[in-house]
Each structure stands twice: as structure tokens, then as C-alpha cells.
Amino acid sequence: MVRTPLTPWERRRGECFGVLLRQARGARSMADVAAAAGVSAETLRKIETGRAPTPTFFTVAALAAALDISLDRLAVAAAEAAAADEAPAEPLSA
């Protein structure tokens, strides 16, 4: 199956999503959050740096649960930041 290339907005949304996860992680180590979510630290690193702009739903859901963040809040914040073409303004809190 050939995957359709991402649009610039979709790429930007993924980058913003990564920034939001990094902010939500705070002082917790990448390894701790990844282990709590059941994903590899490398997967989390790729998401946080924007190298994996479209992680699977189950990965996103697991990370949201590990960080105690609503999926709705993550989706809205990432889309809004991408639409404004800027980094997320304020960290998400539980």
C-alpha cells in the first residue's frame, strides 16, 4: 500500500503534538513515560521531535493515559497550534 504524502499542515500538527507531549512529560524521563505507555523510548523520541508526525491511535492513547491528558485536549491543542503556525503556547495540565 502506498501512503499519501503528508500535507505541510499535517506535518506541522505532528510537530506541535510532539512539543505538547514533551511539555506534558515535564521532569519525567523519556524512558519512564515510554515504559508507562508501553512504547519504546525511541518511539517517544521520534514523536517528540516530529520525526513520527502521525503515530498510531493506540500509541497516542497510551501516551495520553501515561501522562494523564485527555485525547480531546491533545487533538485540539495540536491542531490549533498548527493552524496558528506556532509552538503550543501553554503546557497541558491534567
C-alpha atoms as a PDB file:
ATOM      1  CA  MET A   1       0.000   0.000   0.000  1.00  0.00           C
ATOM      2  CA  VAL A   2       1.348   3.399  -0.957  1.00  0.00           C
ATOM      3  CA  ARG A   3       0.940   6.059   1.684  1.00  0.00           C
ATOM      4  CA  THR A   4      -0.204   9.514   0.611  1.00  0.00           C
ATOM      5  CA  PRO A   5       2.401  12.150   1.485  1.00  0.00           C
ATOM      6  CA  LEU A   6       1.547  14.365   4.423  1.00  0.00           C
ATOM      7  CA  THR A   7       0.500  17.927   3.791  1.00  0.00           C
ATOM      8  CA  PRO A   8       2.559  20.730   5.359  1.00  0.00           C
ATOM      9  CA  TRP A   9      -0.265  21.291   7.872  1.00  0.00           C
ATOM     10  CA  GLU A  10      -0.323  17.609   8.853  1.00  0.00           C
ATOM     11  CA  ARG A  11       3.441  17.700   9.367  1.00  0.00           C
ATOM     12  CA  ARG A  12       3.171  20.873  11.453  1.00  0.00           C
ATOM     13  CA  ARG A  13       0.364  19.335  13.533  1.00  0.00           C
ATOM     14  CA  GLY A  14       2.620  16.343  14.259  1.00  0.00           C
ATOM     15  CA  GLU A  15       5.453  18.645  15.320  1.00  0.00           C
ATOM     16  CA  CYS A  16       3.095  20.538  17.638  1.00  0.00           C
ATOM     17  CA  PHE A  17       1.826  17.260  19.048  1.00  0.00           C
ATOM     18  CA  GLY A  18       5.404  16.286  19.876  1.00  0.00           C
ATOM     19  CA  VAL A  19       6.002  19.604  21.627  1.00  0.00           C
ATOM     20  CA  LEU A  20       2.831  19.109  23.666  1.00  0.00           C
ATOM     21  CA  LEU A  21       3.945  15.650  24.754  1.00  0.00           C
ATOM     22  CA  ARG A  22       7.364  16.980  25.734  1.00  0.00           C
ATOM     23  CA  GLN A  23       5.763  19.761  27.785  1.00  0.00           C
ATOM     24  CA  ALA A  24       3.388  17.310  29.466  1.00  0.00           C
ATOM     25  CA  ARG A  25       6.259  14.963  30.291  1.00  0.00           C
ATOM     26  CA  GLY A  26       7.889  17.743  32.312  1.00  0.00           C
ATOM     27  CA  ALA A  27      10.678  16.453  34.522  1.00  0.00           C
ATOM     28  CA  ARG A  28       9.782  12.796  33.960  1.00  0.00           C
ATOM     29  CA  SER A  29      12.342  10.921  31.923  1.00  0.00           C
ATOM     30  CA  MET A  30      11.551   9.788  28.421  1.00  0.00           C
ATOM     31  CA  ALA A  31      12.254   6.199  29.468  1.00  0.00           C
ATOM     32  CA  ASP A  32       9.794   6.397  32.390  1.00  0.00           C
ATOM     33  CA  VAL A  33       6.962   7.780  30.275  1.00  0.00           C
ATOM     34  CA  ALA A  34       7.641   5.365  27.429  1.00  0.00           C
ATOM     35  CA  ALA A  35       7.633   2.397  29.820  1.00  0.00           C
ATOM     36  CA  ALA A  36       4.393   3.581  31.447  1.00  0.00           C
ATOM     37  CA  ALA A  37       2.799   3.843  27.997  1.00  0.00           C
ATOM     38  CA  GLY A  38       4.190   0.535  26.781  1.00  0.00           C
ATOM     39  CA  VAL A  39       6.131   2.054  23.881  1.00  0.00           C
ATOM     40  CA  SER A  40       9.849   2.283  23.253  1.00  0.00           C
ATOM     41  CA  ALA A  41      11.806   5.354  24.263  1.00  0.00           C
ATOM     42  CA  GLU A  42      12.862   5.662  20.602  1.00  0.00           C
ATOM     43  CA  THR A  43       9.211   5.819  19.530  1.00  0.00           C
ATOM     44  CA  LEU A  44       8.549   8.587  22.046  1.00  0.00           C
ATOM     45  CA  ARG A  45      11.703  10.405  20.934  1.00  0.00           C
ATOM     46  CA  LYS A  46      10.590  10.286  17.292  1.00  0.00           C
ATOM     47  CA  ILE A  47       7.141  11.620  18.190  1.00  0.00           C
ATOM     48  CA  GLU A  48       8.509  14.404  20.390  1.00  0.00           C
ATOM     49  CA  THR A  49      10.964  15.547  17.716  1.00  0.00           C
ATOM     50  CA  GLY A  50       8.405  15.448  14.904  1.00  0.00           C
ATOM     51  CA  ARG A  51      10.130  12.609  13.040  1.00  0.00           C
ATOM     52  CA  ALA A  52       6.975  10.500  13.508  1.00  0.00           C
ATOM     53  CA  PRO A  53       4.225  13.068  12.870  1.00  0.00           C
ATOM     54  CA  THR A  54       1.380  10.544  12.636  1.00  0.00           C
ATOM     55  CA  PRO A  55       1.711   7.973  15.435  1.00  0.00           C
ATOM     56  CA  THR A  56      -0.940   5.278  15.644  1.00  0.00           C
ATOM     57  CA  PHE A  57      -4.079   5.850  17.664  1.00  0.00           C
ATOM     58  CA  PHE A  58      -3.112   3.230  20.229  1.00  0.00           C
ATOM     59  CA  THR A  59       0.299   4.846  20.756  1.00  0.00           C
ATOM     60  CA  VAL A  60      -1.301   8.261  21.224  1.00  0.00           C
ATOM     61  CA  ALA A  61      -3.920   6.827  23.592  1.00  0.00           C
ATOM     62  CA  ALA A  62      -1.267   5.035  25.654  1.00  0.00           C
ATOM     63  CA  LEU A  63       0.886   8.166  25.916  1.00  0.00           C
ATOM     64  CA  ALA A  64      -2.131  10.299  26.859  1.00  0.00           C
ATOM     65  CA  ALA A  65      -3.032   7.829  29.603  1.00  0.00           C
ATOM     66  CA  ALA A  66       0.553   7.690  30.890  1.00  0.00           C
ATOM     67  CA  LEU A  67       0.646  11.494  31.007  1.00  0.00           C
ATOM     68  CA  ASP A  68      -2.933  11.800  32.343  1.00  0.00           C
ATOM     69  CA  ILE A  69      -4.039  14.021  29.462  1.00  0.00           C
ATOM     70  CA  SER A  70      -7.341  13.920  27.606  1.00  0.00           C
ATOM     71  CA  LEU A  71      -7.158  12.802  23.971  1.00  0.00           C
ATOM     72  CA  ASP A  72      -9.550  15.626  23.107  1.00  0.00           C
ATOM     73  CA  ARG A  73      -7.274  18.247  24.651  1.00  0.00           C
ATOM     74  CA  LEU A  74      -4.232  16.853  22.831  1.00  0.00           C
ATOM     75  CA  ALA A  75      -6.007  16.831  19.466  1.00  0.00           C
ATOM     76  CA  VAL A  76      -7.424  20.332  19.819  1.00  0.00           C
ATOM     77  CA  ALA A  77      -4.184  21.857  21.130  1.00  0.00           C
ATOM     78  CA  ALA A  78      -2.070  20.299  18.355  1.00  0.00           C
ATOM     79  CA  ALA A  79      -4.498  21.371  15.624  1.00  0.00           C
ATOM     80  CA  GLU A  80      -4.807  24.912  16.993  1.00  0.00           C
ATOM     81  CA  ALA A  81      -1.038  25.346  17.271  1.00  0.00           C
ATOM     82  CA  ALA A  82      -0.537  24.013  13.741  1.00  0.00           C
ATOM     83  CA  ALA A  83      -3.234  26.312  12.372  1.00  0.00           C
ATOM     84  CA  ALA A  84      -1.584  29.281  14.062  1.00  0.00           C
ATOM     85  CA  ASP A  85       1.798  28.019  12.772  1.00  0.00           C
ATOM     86  CA  GLU A  86       3.400  28.374  16.170  1.00  0.00           C
ATOM     87  CA  ALA A  87       4.537  26.261  19.081  1.00  0.00           C
ATOM     88  CA  PRO A  88       1.865  25.420  21.664  1.00  0.00           C
ATOM     89  CA  ALA A  89       1.570  28.433  23.939  1.00  0.00           C
ATOM     90  CA  GLU A  90       0.980  26.797  27.281  1.00  0.00           C
ATOM     91  CA  PRO A  91       1.623  23.331  28.655  1.00  0.00           C
ATOM     92  CA  LEU A  92      -1.297  20.980  29.043  1.00  0.00           C
ATOM     93  CA  SER A  93      -2.156  20.009  32.569  1.00  0.00           C
ATOM     94  CA  ALA A  94      -4.153  17.046  33.748  1.00  0.00           C
END
